[in-house]
Amino acid sequence: MKEEGSNTSQVGNYLSRIRPQYERRRFERRKCNFMARVLFTAKGTREITQYIVLTQDISEVGVRLHTEFVKDIPKHFYLFVGKYQHGIGCIVVGREKDILRCEFIKEEQTKLVDFLARVSNPNQTLGLLKHPLFGFPPPH
């Protein structure tokens, strides 16, 4: 039986509090401008839904995405860069008109975040990323 005034909603929301506030703030957010894929399973089916989103800023622990599909993307999804070369588990922590604020399920490497923040062609991250981070030899 549920007690009056008890806060049982905390249990259902445990993933959104995955990382303490002080830990989120210790990483610098980098402005960026690259495309990525959001993938998730459609509710009640085995089909995978995919949207292309624009990444506006990124850190080792989170990302801010611009998309017209804010209401269609569930609380938990995977963000992919390259030809599905690197997937990042994400949790939505805030929704605005066309912005999703997300935290990563696990901390990402600084090398990866720096590389993505330096991408100059937004569409480059939808194709094959030839970089040592993705198993390619370094350029000569």
Protein backbone atom coordinates (compact mmCIF):
# COMPACT_ATOMS: atom_id res chain seq x y z
CA MET A 1 0.00 0.00 0.00
CA LYS A 2 1.30 3.44 -0.96
CA GLU A 3 1.77 5.92 1.88
CA GLU A 4 0.32 9.41 1.48
CA GLY A 5 3.12 11.80 0.56
CA SER A 6 5.64 9.05 -0.26
CA ASN A 7 7.86 9.62 -3.26
CA THR A 8 7.60 6.38 -5.20
CA SER A 9 8.24 8.15 -8.51
CA GLN A 10 11.96 8.13 -7.64
CA VAL A 11 12.09 4.39 -8.25
CA GLY A 12 10.76 4.67 -11.81
CA ASN A 13 13.14 7.50 -12.56
CA TYR A 14 16.39 6.03 -11.26
CA LEU A 15 18.20 6.14 -14.63
CA SER A 16 17.71 9.88 -14.97
CA ARG A 17 19.69 10.34 -11.76
CA ILE A 18 22.52 8.14 -13.00
CA ARG A 19 25.28 10.68 -12.34
CA PRO A 20 25.49 13.11 -9.40
CA GLN A 21 25.16 16.80 -10.28
CA TYR A 22 28.73 17.64 -9.19
CA GLU A 23 30.15 14.97 -11.51
CA ARG A 24 28.24 16.28 -14.54
CA ARG A 25 29.73 19.73 -14.06
CA ARG A 26 33.36 18.60 -14.00
CA PHE A 27 33.38 18.08 -17.79
CA GLU A 28 33.60 20.94 -20.26
CA ARG A 29 30.80 21.15 -22.81
CA ARG A 30 32.16 21.68 -26.30
CA LYS A 31 30.15 23.42 -28.99
CA CYS A 32 29.78 21.18 -32.02
CA ASN A 33 27.82 20.79 -35.22
CA PHE A 34 27.53 17.22 -36.46
CA MET A 35 24.79 14.81 -37.43
CA ALA A 36 24.15 11.55 -35.59
CA ARG A 37 21.58 8.77 -35.63
CA VAL A 38 19.14 8.16 -32.79
CA LEU A 39 17.98 4.52 -32.68
CA PHE A 40 15.38 2.88 -30.45
CA THR A 41 12.86 0.08 -30.62
CA ALA A 42 9.30 1.12 -31.35
CA LYS A 43 6.98 0.59 -28.39
CA GLY A 44 5.48 -2.89 -28.44
CA THR A 45 7.40 -4.05 -31.53
CA ARG A 46 10.80 -5.36 -32.50
CA GLU A 47 11.23 -2.75 -35.21
CA ILE A 48 13.99 -0.19 -34.87
CA THR A 49 13.12 3.46 -35.39
CA GLN A 50 15.84 5.84 -36.55
CA TYR A 51 16.05 9.64 -36.68
CA ILE A 52 18.88 11.89 -37.83
CA VAL A 53 19.62 14.64 -35.29
CA LEU A 54 21.98 17.61 -35.10
CA THR A 55 24.36 17.66 -32.16
CA GLN A 56 24.83 21.14 -30.66
CA ASP A 57 27.15 20.51 -27.74
CA ILE A 58 28.84 17.50 -26.21
CA SER A 59 30.88 16.48 -23.17
CA GLU A 60 32.15 13.19 -21.79
CA VAL A 61 28.86 12.68 -19.94
CA GLY A 62 26.17 14.22 -22.11
CA VAL A 63 24.93 15.86 -25.28
CA ARG A 64 22.39 18.40 -26.48
CA LEU A 65 20.51 17.42 -29.64
CA HIS A 66 18.41 19.50 -32.03
CA THR A 67 15.52 17.65 -33.68
CA GLU A 68 11.95 18.22 -34.79
CA PHE A 69 11.10 14.79 -33.34
CA VAL A 70 11.52 15.67 -29.63
CA LYS A 71 8.16 14.14 -28.68
CA ASP A 72 8.78 10.94 -30.67
CA ILE A 73 12.12 10.00 -29.10
CA PRO A 74 11.78 7.90 -25.92
CA LYS A 75 13.58 8.51 -22.64
CA HIS A 76 16.21 5.84 -23.43
CA PHE A 77 17.90 5.45 -26.83
CA TYR A 78 21.23 4.91 -28.58
CA LEU A 79 23.12 7.67 -30.37
CA PHE A 80 25.30 6.41 -33.25
CA VAL A 81 28.09 8.19 -35.12
CA GLY A 82 29.77 6.97 -38.30
CA LYS A 83 28.38 3.98 -40.17
CA TYR A 84 27.07 2.63 -36.84
CA GLN A 85 30.71 2.53 -35.67
CA HIS A 86 30.13 3.87 -32.19
CA GLY A 87 26.92 3.67 -30.17
CA ILE A 88 26.30 5.65 -27.00
CA GLY A 89 23.51 4.79 -24.59
CA CYS A 90 21.57 7.95 -23.70
CA ILE A 91 18.93 9.05 -21.23
CA VAL A 92 16.80 12.15 -21.88
CA VAL A 93 16.98 14.53 -18.91
CA GLY A 94 15.24 17.51 -20.52
CA ARG A 95 12.95 18.31 -23.44
CA GLU A 96 12.30 21.71 -24.95
CA LYS A 97 10.61 22.76 -28.20
CA ASP A 98 13.22 21.22 -30.53
CA ILE A 99 16.01 20.35 -28.06
CA LEU A 100 16.80 17.12 -26.19
CA ARG A 101 19.22 17.34 -23.27
CA CYS A 102 20.71 13.91 -22.63
CA GLU A 103 23.14 12.15 -20.34
CA PHE A 104 25.28 9.23 -21.43
CA ILE A 105 24.86 5.94 -19.58
CA LYS A 106 28.64 5.68 -19.28
CA GLU A 107 31.35 8.28 -19.56
CA GLU A 108 32.85 8.63 -23.05
CA GLN A 109 36.56 9.02 -23.83
CA THR A 110 37.86 12.59 -24.01
CA LYS A 111 39.61 11.70 -27.31
CA LEU A 112 36.26 10.79 -28.86
CA VAL A 113 34.49 13.91 -27.57
CA ASP A 114 37.32 16.16 -28.80
CA PHE A 115 37.28 14.48 -32.23
CA LEU A 116 33.51 14.91 -32.59
CA ALA A 117 33.63 18.55 -31.44
CA ARG A 118 36.20 19.32 -34.18
CA VAL A 119 34.18 17.84 -37.06
CA SER A 120 33.78 20.59 -39.67
CA ASN A 121 31.32 18.93 -42.08
CA PRO A 122 28.11 18.02 -40.19
CA ASN A 123 27.34 15.12 -42.57
CA GLN A 124 30.79 13.55 -42.14
CA THR A 125 29.62 11.73 -39.01
CA LEU A 126 26.89 9.87 -40.91
CA GLY A 127 29.44 8.11 -43.14
CA LEU A 128 32.42 5.89 -42.40
CA LEU A 129 34.75 7.61 -39.92
CA LYS A 130 38.34 6.70 -40.80
CA HIS A 131 40.03 7.48 -37.51
CA PRO A 132 42.17 5.46 -35.07
CA LEU A 133 39.34 5.68 -32.51
CA PHE A 134 37.31 3.47 -34.85
CA GLY A 135 40.03 0.93 -35.67
CA PHE A 136 41.63 2.68 -38.65
CA PRO A 137 45.40 3.25 -38.82
CA PRO A 138 46.59 6.82 -38.16
CA PRO A 139 47.17 8.96 -41.28
CA HIS A 140 50.77 9.03 -42.55
